[in-house]
Amino acid sequence: MLSGEEILKEIENGNIIITPFERSQLNPNSYNLTLGDEVTIFVESKLDVKVKPKTKKIPIPDEGLILMPNNLYLVSTNEYTETYNLVPQISGRSSIGRVGLAVHTSAGYSEAGYCGKWHLSMFCSVPVKIFKGMQIGQIYYFPLVNGK
């Protein structure tokens, strides 16, 4: 796993792009990603993996939005990332987990070469108020090793 210092070096080398980038969001071995300005909910209560579900987008107001238990929410990060020659992984921040909000508990790895914003699932065990722009997850980077 790359250290924060190595993440900065890879940004300078062009192997990691994070836009917008805020130095204050860099950690000892990860970078904090922030929540976009809307959530997507499923319109139907039962989902079929073979059928594209109907969804509805809900803007997050400045005063926040309360998420309710037993609902699945989809969100995007504010940050656009590109990653070359490294494998990115994302997970929820521990401070978010401690208030009962699970962020992106599956499929946390992406491919080397991924370009885009991160689309995350969220689920809460108790009602939780979220805010646009809050730090929601962390991205980590792993060296890509030739498996010979």
N, C-alpha and C. Protein backbone atom coordinates (compact mmCIF):
# COMPACT_ATOMS: atom_id res chain seq x y z
N MET A 1 0.85 -1.17 0.00
CA MET A 1 0.00 0.00 0.00
C MET A 1 0.89 1.23 0.00
N LEU A 2 0.51 2.25 -0.76
CA LEU A 2 1.30 3.47 -0.81
C LEU A 2 1.07 4.32 0.43
N SER A 3 2.12 4.96 0.89
CA SER A 3 2.01 5.93 1.98
C SER A 3 1.48 7.24 1.39
N GLY A 4 1.08 8.15 2.25
CA GLY A 4 0.65 9.46 1.79
C GLY A 4 1.73 10.16 0.99
N GLU A 5 2.97 10.03 1.44
CA GLU A 5 4.10 10.63 0.73
C GLU A 5 4.25 10.03 -0.67
N GLU A 6 4.07 8.72 -0.77
CA GLU A 6 4.16 8.05 -2.08
C GLU A 6 2.97 8.43 -2.97
N ILE A 7 1.80 8.63 -2.38
CA ILE A 7 0.65 9.09 -3.16
C ILE A 7 0.97 10.44 -3.79
N LEU A 8 1.57 11.35 -3.02
CA LEU A 8 1.97 12.65 -3.57
C LEU A 8 2.98 12.49 -4.70
N LYS A 9 3.95 11.60 -4.53
CA LYS A 9 4.94 11.37 -5.60
C LYS A 9 4.27 10.86 -6.87
N GLU A 10 3.31 9.94 -6.71
CA GLU A 10 2.62 9.40 -7.88
C GLU A 10 1.74 10.45 -8.55
N ILE A 11 1.21 11.38 -7.77
CA ILE A 11 0.47 12.51 -8.36
C ILE A 11 1.43 13.34 -9.19
N GLU A 12 2.60 13.64 -8.64
CA GLU A 12 3.60 14.42 -9.37
C GLU A 12 4.06 13.69 -10.63
N ASN A 13 4.13 12.35 -10.58
CA ASN A 13 4.55 11.55 -11.73
C ASN A 13 3.43 11.33 -12.75
N GLY A 14 2.20 11.73 -12.41
CA GLY A 14 1.08 11.57 -13.33
C GLY A 14 0.41 10.21 -13.28
N ASN A 15 0.79 9.35 -12.32
CA ASN A 15 0.16 8.04 -12.20
C ASN A 15 -1.12 8.08 -11.39
N ILE A 16 -1.32 9.15 -10.61
CA ILE A 16 -2.57 9.38 -9.88
C ILE A 16 -3.02 10.79 -10.19
N ILE A 17 -4.29 10.93 -10.56
CA ILE A 17 -4.90 12.25 -10.75
C ILE A 17 -6.12 12.28 -9.85
N ILE A 18 -6.21 13.31 -9.02
CA ILE A 18 -7.38 13.54 -8.17
C ILE A 18 -7.79 14.99 -8.37
N THR A 19 -9.03 15.18 -8.87
CA THR A 19 -9.53 16.53 -9.15
C THR A 19 -10.92 16.69 -8.56
N PRO A 20 -11.15 17.65 -7.67
CA PRO A 20 -10.16 18.56 -7.10
C PRO A 20 -9.30 17.84 -6.05
N PHE A 21 -8.09 18.33 -5.88
CA PHE A 21 -7.17 17.79 -4.88
C PHE A 21 -7.00 18.79 -3.76
N GLU A 22 -7.16 18.34 -2.53
CA GLU A 22 -6.96 19.17 -1.34
C GLU A 22 -5.92 18.49 -0.46
N ARG A 23 -4.82 19.13 -0.25
CA ARG A 23 -3.72 18.55 0.55
C ARG A 23 -4.21 18.11 1.93
N SER A 24 -5.16 18.84 2.50
CA SER A 24 -5.67 18.52 3.84
C SER A 24 -6.40 17.17 3.89
N GLN A 25 -6.79 16.61 2.75
CA GLN A 25 -7.50 15.34 2.71
C GLN A 25 -6.55 14.14 2.56
N LEU A 26 -5.25 14.42 2.49
CA LEU A 26 -4.25 13.36 2.38
C LEU A 26 -3.94 12.81 3.76
N ASN A 27 -3.97 11.49 3.90
CA ASN A 27 -3.70 10.81 5.16
C ASN A 27 -2.37 10.07 5.09
N PRO A 28 -1.95 9.43 6.18
CA PRO A 28 -0.68 8.69 6.15
C PRO A 28 -0.61 7.60 5.08
N ASN A 29 -1.76 7.00 4.67
CA ASN A 29 -1.72 5.99 3.62
C ASN A 29 -3.01 5.97 2.77
N SER A 30 -3.69 7.10 2.67
CA SER A 30 -4.91 7.17 1.86
C SER A 30 -5.24 8.64 1.60
N TYR A 31 -6.30 8.83 0.82
CA TYR A 31 -6.81 10.16 0.53
C TYR A 31 -8.32 10.14 0.76
N ASN A 32 -8.84 11.14 1.48
CA ASN A 32 -10.27 11.20 1.77
C ASN A 32 -11.04 11.75 0.57
N LEU A 33 -12.11 11.06 0.21
CA LEU A 33 -13.00 11.48 -0.86
C LEU A 33 -14.27 12.07 -0.26
N THR A 34 -14.86 13.03 -0.96
CA THR A 34 -16.03 13.72 -0.44
C THR A 34 -17.30 13.36 -1.22
N LEU A 35 -18.41 13.55 -0.55
CA LEU A 35 -19.73 13.20 -1.07
C LEU A 35 -20.22 14.25 -2.06
N GLY A 36 -20.79 13.77 -3.16
CA GLY A 36 -21.40 14.65 -4.14
C GLY A 36 -22.65 15.31 -3.60
N ASP A 37 -23.47 15.87 -4.49
CA ASP A 37 -24.60 16.68 -4.04
C ASP A 37 -25.96 16.02 -4.19
N GLU A 38 -25.99 14.70 -4.46
CA GLU A 38 -27.28 14.01 -4.57
C GLU A 38 -27.13 12.54 -4.21
N VAL A 39 -28.24 11.94 -3.85
CA VAL A 39 -28.29 10.49 -3.64
C VAL A 39 -29.29 9.92 -4.64
N THR A 40 -29.08 8.66 -4.97
CA THR A 40 -30.01 7.95 -5.84
C THR A 40 -30.64 6.85 -5.00
N ILE A 41 -31.96 6.74 -5.11
CA ILE A 41 -32.68 5.68 -4.39
C ILE A 41 -33.39 4.80 -5.42
N PHE A 42 -33.68 3.58 -5.00
CA PHE A 42 -34.45 2.67 -5.84
C PHE A 42 -35.93 2.92 -5.61
N VAL A 43 -36.69 2.99 -6.69
CA VAL A 43 -38.12 3.25 -6.60
C VAL A 43 -38.87 2.00 -6.12
N GLU A 44 -38.40 0.82 -6.55
CA GLU A 44 -39.07 -0.43 -6.19
C GLU A 44 -38.45 -1.03 -4.93
N SER A 45 -39.25 -1.73 -4.15
CA SER A 45 -38.75 -2.32 -2.91
C SER A 45 -38.07 -3.66 -3.14
N LYS A 46 -38.33 -4.30 -4.26
CA LYS A 46 -37.67 -5.57 -4.61
C LYS A 46 -36.91 -5.36 -5.90
N LEU A 47 -35.66 -5.83 -5.93
CA LEU A 47 -34.83 -5.67 -7.10
C LEU A 47 -34.56 -7.03 -7.75
N ASP A 48 -34.45 -7.02 -9.06
CA ASP A 48 -34.14 -8.21 -9.84
C ASP A 48 -32.80 -7.94 -10.53
N VAL A 49 -31.80 -8.77 -10.27
CA VAL A 49 -30.47 -8.52 -10.82
C VAL A 49 -30.44 -8.59 -12.35
N LYS A 50 -31.48 -9.14 -12.97
CA LYS A 50 -31.54 -9.21 -14.43
C LYS A 50 -32.28 -8.04 -15.06
N VAL A 51 -32.83 -7.17 -14.23
CA VAL A 51 -33.61 -6.04 -14.73
C VAL A 51 -33.02 -4.74 -14.19
N LYS A 52 -32.80 -3.77 -15.08
CA LYS A 52 -32.29 -2.47 -14.63
C LYS A 52 -33.34 -1.81 -13.73
N PRO A 53 -32.96 -1.49 -12.50
CA PRO A 53 -33.96 -0.93 -11.57
C PRO A 53 -34.32 0.52 -11.89
N LYS A 54 -35.54 0.88 -11.54
CA LYS A 54 -35.97 2.28 -11.65
C LYS A 54 -35.41 3.03 -10.44
N THR A 55 -34.87 4.20 -10.68
CA THR A 55 -34.26 4.98 -9.61
C THR A 55 -34.79 6.41 -9.63
N LYS A 56 -34.50 7.10 -8.54
CA LYS A 56 -34.88 8.51 -8.41
C LYS A 56 -33.72 9.24 -7.75
N LYS A 57 -33.36 10.40 -8.28
CA LYS A 57 -32.29 11.21 -7.71
C LYS A 57 -32.87 12.24 -6.74
N ILE A 58 -32.22 12.36 -5.59
CA ILE A 58 -32.66 13.31 -4.57
C ILE A 58 -31.49 14.25 -4.26
N PRO A 59 -31.67 15.54 -4.45
CA PRO A 59 -30.58 16.47 -4.09
C PRO A 59 -30.38 16.51 -2.58
N ILE A 60 -29.14 16.66 -2.16
CA ILE A 60 -28.85 16.82 -0.73
C ILE A 60 -28.92 18.31 -0.42
N PRO A 61 -29.88 18.74 0.40
CA PRO A 61 -29.98 20.17 0.72
C PRO A 61 -28.82 20.62 1.60
N ASP A 62 -28.61 21.92 1.66
CA ASP A 62 -27.52 22.47 2.48
C ASP A 62 -27.64 22.05 3.95
N GLU A 63 -28.87 21.88 4.43
CA GLU A 63 -29.07 21.50 5.84
C GLU A 63 -28.91 19.99 6.07
N GLY A 64 -28.60 19.23 5.00
CA GLY A 64 -28.36 17.81 5.12
C GLY A 64 -29.58 16.98 4.76
N LEU A 65 -29.37 15.68 4.67
CA LEU A 65 -30.43 14.74 4.31
C LEU A 65 -30.33 13.56 5.26
N ILE A 66 -31.45 13.17 5.84
CA ILE A 66 -31.46 12.04 6.76
C ILE A 66 -31.71 10.75 5.97
N LEU A 67 -30.77 9.82 6.09
CA LEU A 67 -30.92 8.50 5.49
C LEU A 67 -31.60 7.59 6.50
N MET A 68 -32.50 6.75 6.02
CA MET A 68 -33.25 5.87 6.90
C MET A 68 -32.76 4.43 6.78
N PRO A 69 -32.83 3.68 7.88
CA PRO A 69 -32.41 2.27 7.85
C PRO A 69 -33.21 1.45 6.84
N ASN A 70 -32.61 0.34 6.44
CA ASN A 70 -33.23 -0.62 5.53
C ASN A 70 -33.49 -0.07 4.14
N ASN A 71 -32.72 0.93 3.75
CA ASN A 71 -32.77 1.46 2.40
C ASN A 71 -31.35 1.48 1.84
N LEU A 72 -31.23 1.24 0.56
CA LEU A 72 -29.95 1.30 -0.10
C LEU A 72 -29.86 2.62 -0.85
N TYR A 73 -28.77 3.33 -0.66
CA TYR A 73 -28.56 4.62 -1.29
C TYR A 73 -27.32 4.54 -2.17
N LEU A 74 -27.37 5.20 -3.32
CA LEU A 74 -26.22 5.28 -4.21
C LEU A 74 -25.77 6.74 -4.27
N VAL A 75 -24.46 6.94 -4.20
CA VAL A 75 -23.91 8.30 -4.23
C VAL A 75 -22.66 8.29 -5.11
N SER A 76 -22.20 9.47 -5.46
CA SER A 76 -20.95 9.64 -6.18
C SER A 76 -20.04 10.56 -5.39
N THR A 77 -18.76 10.44 -5.65
CA THR A 77 -17.80 11.35 -5.03
C THR A 77 -17.73 12.64 -5.82
N ASN A 78 -17.29 13.70 -5.16
CA ASN A 78 -16.99 14.95 -5.87
C ASN A 78 -15.75 14.78 -6.72
N GLU A 79 -14.83 13.96 -6.24
CA GLU A 79 -13.53 13.84 -6.89
C GLU A 79 -13.57 12.92 -8.10
N TYR A 80 -12.93 13.38 -9.15
CA TYR A 80 -12.65 12.58 -10.33
C TYR A 80 -11.24 12.05 -10.14
N THR A 81 -11.04 10.75 -10.38
CA THR A 81 -9.70 10.19 -10.23
C THR A 81 -9.29 9.43 -11.48
N GLU A 82 -8.00 9.39 -11.70
CA GLU A 82 -7.39 8.54 -12.71
C GLU A 82 -6.23 7.84 -12.02
N THR A 83 -6.06 6.57 -12.34
CA THR A 83 -5.00 5.79 -11.69
C THR A 83 -4.31 4.93 -12.73
N TYR A 84 -2.99 5.08 -12.83
CA TYR A 84 -2.19 4.32 -13.79
C TYR A 84 -1.10 3.56 -13.06
N ASN A 85 -0.90 2.31 -13.43
CA ASN A 85 0.15 1.46 -12.86
C ASN A 85 -0.02 1.20 -11.37
N LEU A 86 -1.19 1.44 -10.85
CA LEU A 86 -1.52 1.19 -9.45
C LEU A 86 -2.95 0.65 -9.39
N VAL A 87 -3.27 -0.05 -8.32
CA VAL A 87 -4.63 -0.56 -8.13
C VAL A 87 -5.29 0.25 -7.03
N PRO A 88 -6.37 1.00 -7.35
CA PRO A 88 -7.07 1.77 -6.32
C PRO A 88 -8.08 0.91 -5.57
N GLN A 89 -8.24 1.21 -4.29
CA GLN A 89 -9.26 0.56 -3.47
C GLN A 89 -9.95 1.66 -2.67
N ILE A 90 -11.24 1.51 -2.48
CA ILE A 90 -11.98 2.51 -1.70
C ILE A 90 -12.74 1.83 -0.57
N SER A 91 -12.84 2.53 0.54
CA SER A 91 -13.64 2.05 1.67
C SER A 91 -14.21 3.26 2.39
N GLY A 92 -15.20 3.01 3.23
CA GLY A 92 -15.77 4.08 4.03
C GLY A 92 -14.81 4.50 5.12
N ARG A 93 -14.92 5.73 5.57
CA ARG A 93 -14.09 6.21 6.68
C ARG A 93 -14.60 5.60 7.98
N SER A 94 -13.69 5.32 8.89
CA SER A 94 -14.08 4.70 10.17
C SER A 94 -15.02 5.60 10.96
N SER A 95 -14.83 6.91 10.89
CA SER A 95 -15.71 7.83 11.62
C SER A 95 -17.15 7.75 11.10
N ILE A 96 -17.31 7.45 9.84
CA ILE A 96 -18.64 7.29 9.24
C ILE A 96 -19.25 5.96 9.71
N GLY A 97 -18.45 4.92 9.76
CA GLY A 97 -18.92 3.62 10.23
C GLY A 97 -19.37 3.65 11.68
N ARG A 98 -18.70 4.48 12.48
CA ARG A 98 -19.05 4.54 13.91
C ARG A 98 -20.40 5.18 14.17
N VAL A 99 -20.98 5.87 13.18
CA VAL A 99 -22.32 6.42 13.36
C VAL A 99 -23.37 5.55 12.66
N GLY A 100 -22.97 4.34 12.25
CA GLY A 100 -23.93 3.40 11.70
C GLY A 100 -24.12 3.45 10.20
N LEU A 101 -23.23 4.13 9.48
CA LEU A 101 -23.35 4.24 8.03
C LEU A 101 -22.29 3.38 7.37
N ALA A 102 -22.72 2.37 6.63
CA ALA A 102 -21.80 1.51 5.88
C ALA A 102 -21.67 2.08 4.47
N VAL A 103 -20.43 2.30 4.06
CA VAL A 103 -20.17 2.88 2.75
C VAL A 103 -19.40 1.88 1.91
N HIS A 104 -19.97 1.52 0.80
CA HIS A 104 -19.31 0.70 -0.23
C HIS A 104 -18.63 -0.53 0.36
N THR A 105 -19.43 -1.43 0.88
CA THR A 105 -18.90 -2.61 1.56
C THR A 105 -18.52 -3.74 0.61
N SER A 106 -18.78 -3.59 -0.67
CA SER A 106 -18.37 -4.62 -1.63
C SER A 106 -17.77 -3.96 -2.87
N ALA A 107 -16.99 -4.73 -3.61
CA ALA A 107 -16.39 -4.28 -4.87
C ALA A 107 -15.56 -3.01 -4.68
N GLY A 108 -14.74 -2.99 -3.66
CA GLY A 108 -13.93 -1.81 -3.36
C GLY A 108 -12.72 -1.62 -4.24
N TYR A 109 -12.28 -2.67 -4.94
CA TYR A 109 -11.13 -2.54 -5.84
C TYR A 109 -11.59 -2.10 -7.21
N SER A 110 -10.74 -1.35 -7.88
CA SER A 110 -10.96 -1.02 -9.27
C SER A 110 -9.76 -1.50 -10.07
N GLU A 111 -9.72 -1.19 -11.32
CA GLU A 111 -8.63 -1.61 -12.17
C GLU A 111 -7.62 -0.49 -12.33
N ALA A 112 -6.36 -0.89 -12.54
CA ALA A 112 -5.35 0.09 -12.94
C ALA A 112 -5.85 0.70 -14.25
N GLY A 113 -5.82 2.01 -14.35
CA GLY A 113 -6.32 2.68 -15.53
C GLY A 113 -7.72 3.25 -15.37
N TYR A 114 -8.36 3.01 -14.19
CA TYR A 114 -9.72 3.54 -13.98
C TYR A 114 -9.69 5.07 -14.02
N CYS A 115 -10.67 5.64 -14.71
CA CYS A 115 -10.83 7.09 -14.80
C CYS A 115 -12.29 7.42 -14.52
N GLY A 116 -12.56 8.27 -13.54
CA GLY A 116 -13.93 8.69 -13.29
C GLY A 116 -14.18 9.01 -11.83
N LYS A 117 -15.40 9.39 -11.56
CA LYS A 117 -15.84 9.57 -10.18
C LYS A 117 -16.19 8.19 -9.64
N TRP A 118 -16.17 8.06 -8.32
CA TRP A 118 -16.50 6.79 -7.67
C TRP A 118 -17.98 6.77 -7.34
N HIS A 119 -18.64 5.66 -7.65
CA HIS A 119 -20.06 5.47 -7.37
C HIS A 119 -20.15 4.45 -6.25
N LEU A 120 -20.74 4.88 -5.14
CA LEU A 120 -20.71 4.11 -3.91
C LEU A 120 -22.12 3.76 -3.44
N SER A 121 -22.23 2.64 -2.76
CA SER A 121 -23.48 2.27 -2.11
C SER A 121 -23.37 2.62 -0.63
N MET A 122 -24.50 2.99 -0.04
CA MET A 122 -24.54 3.30 1.39
C MET A 122 -25.78 2.65 2.00
N PHE A 123 -25.61 2.23 3.24
CA PHE A 123 -26.69 1.58 3.98
C PHE A 123 -26.49 1.96 5.44
N CYS A 124 -27.56 2.31 6.15
CA CYS A 124 -27.39 2.72 7.55
C CYS A 124 -28.21 1.82 8.48
N SER A 125 -27.69 1.67 9.69
CA SER A 125 -28.38 0.84 10.69
C SER A 125 -29.28 1.69 11.60
N VAL A 126 -29.04 2.97 11.64
CA VAL A 126 -29.87 3.94 12.37
C VAL A 126 -30.04 5.16 11.46
N PRO A 127 -31.02 6.03 11.69
CA PRO A 127 -31.11 7.23 10.87
C PRO A 127 -29.81 8.05 10.98
N VAL A 128 -29.29 8.47 9.84
CA VAL A 128 -28.03 9.22 9.80
C VAL A 128 -28.20 10.42 8.86
N LYS A 129 -27.79 11.59 9.33
CA LYS A 129 -27.84 12.79 8.50
C LYS A 129 -26.52 12.94 7.76
N ILE A 130 -26.61 13.12 6.43
CA ILE A 130 -25.42 13.33 5.61
C ILE A 130 -25.44 14.72 5.01
N PHE A 131 -24.28 15.18 4.57
CA PHE A 131 -24.14 16.51 4.00
C PHE A 131 -23.31 16.43 2.73
N LYS A 132 -23.69 17.20 1.71
CA LYS A 132 -22.87 17.24 0.51
C LYS A 132 -21.50 17.80 0.87
N GLY A 133 -20.49 17.24 0.27
CA GLY A 133 -19.12 17.68 0.52
C GLY A 133 -18.46 17.06 1.74
N MET A 134 -19.20 16.28 2.53
CA MET A 134 -18.57 15.66 3.70
C MET A 134 -17.59 14.58 3.26
N GLN A 135 -16.57 14.34 4.05
CA GLN A 135 -15.61 13.29 3.73
C GLN A 135 -16.26 11.95 4.05
N ILE A 136 -16.44 11.14 3.00
CA ILE A 136 -17.23 9.92 3.11
C ILE A 136 -16.41 8.65 3.02
N GLY A 137 -15.33 8.67 2.25
CA GLY A 137 -14.56 7.46 2.03
C GLY A 137 -13.08 7.76 1.88
N GLN A 138 -12.30 6.70 1.80
CA GLN A 138 -10.85 6.82 1.61
C GLN A 138 -10.45 5.98 0.40
N ILE A 139 -9.54 6.51 -0.38
CA ILE A 139 -8.98 5.76 -1.49
C ILE A 139 -7.54 5.41 -1.14
N TYR A 140 -7.20 4.15 -1.40
CA TYR A 140 -5.87 3.61 -1.13
C TYR A 140 -5.29 3.18 -2.47
N TYR A 141 -3.99 3.04 -2.53
CA TYR A 141 -3.35 2.60 -3.77
C TYR A 141 -2.35 1.49 -3.47
N PHE A 142 -2.37 0.48 -4.33
CA PHE A 142 -1.46 -0.66 -4.22
C PHE A 142 -0.64 -0.78 -5.48
N PRO A 143 0.64 -1.12 -5.35
CA PRO A 143 1.46 -1.35 -6.54
C PRO A 143 0.91 -2.51 -7.36
N LEU A 144 1.00 -2.39 -8.65
CA LEU A 144 0.59 -3.47 -9.56
C LEU A 144 1.84 -4.30 -9.82
N VAL A 145 1.82 -5.57 -9.41
CA VAL A 145 2.99 -6.43 -9.49
C VAL A 145 2.79 -7.46 -10.59
N ASN A 146 3.80 -7.66 -11.42
CA ASN A 146 3.75 -8.67 -12.46
C ASN A 146 3.73 -10.05 -11.82
N GLY A 147 2.77 -10.86 -12.13
CA GLY A 147 2.60 -12.17 -11.47
C GLY A 147 3.34 -13.32 -12.11
N LYS A 148 4.54 -13.11 -12.58
CA LYS A 148 5.30 -14.21 -13.20
C LYS A 148 5.86 -15.15 -12.17
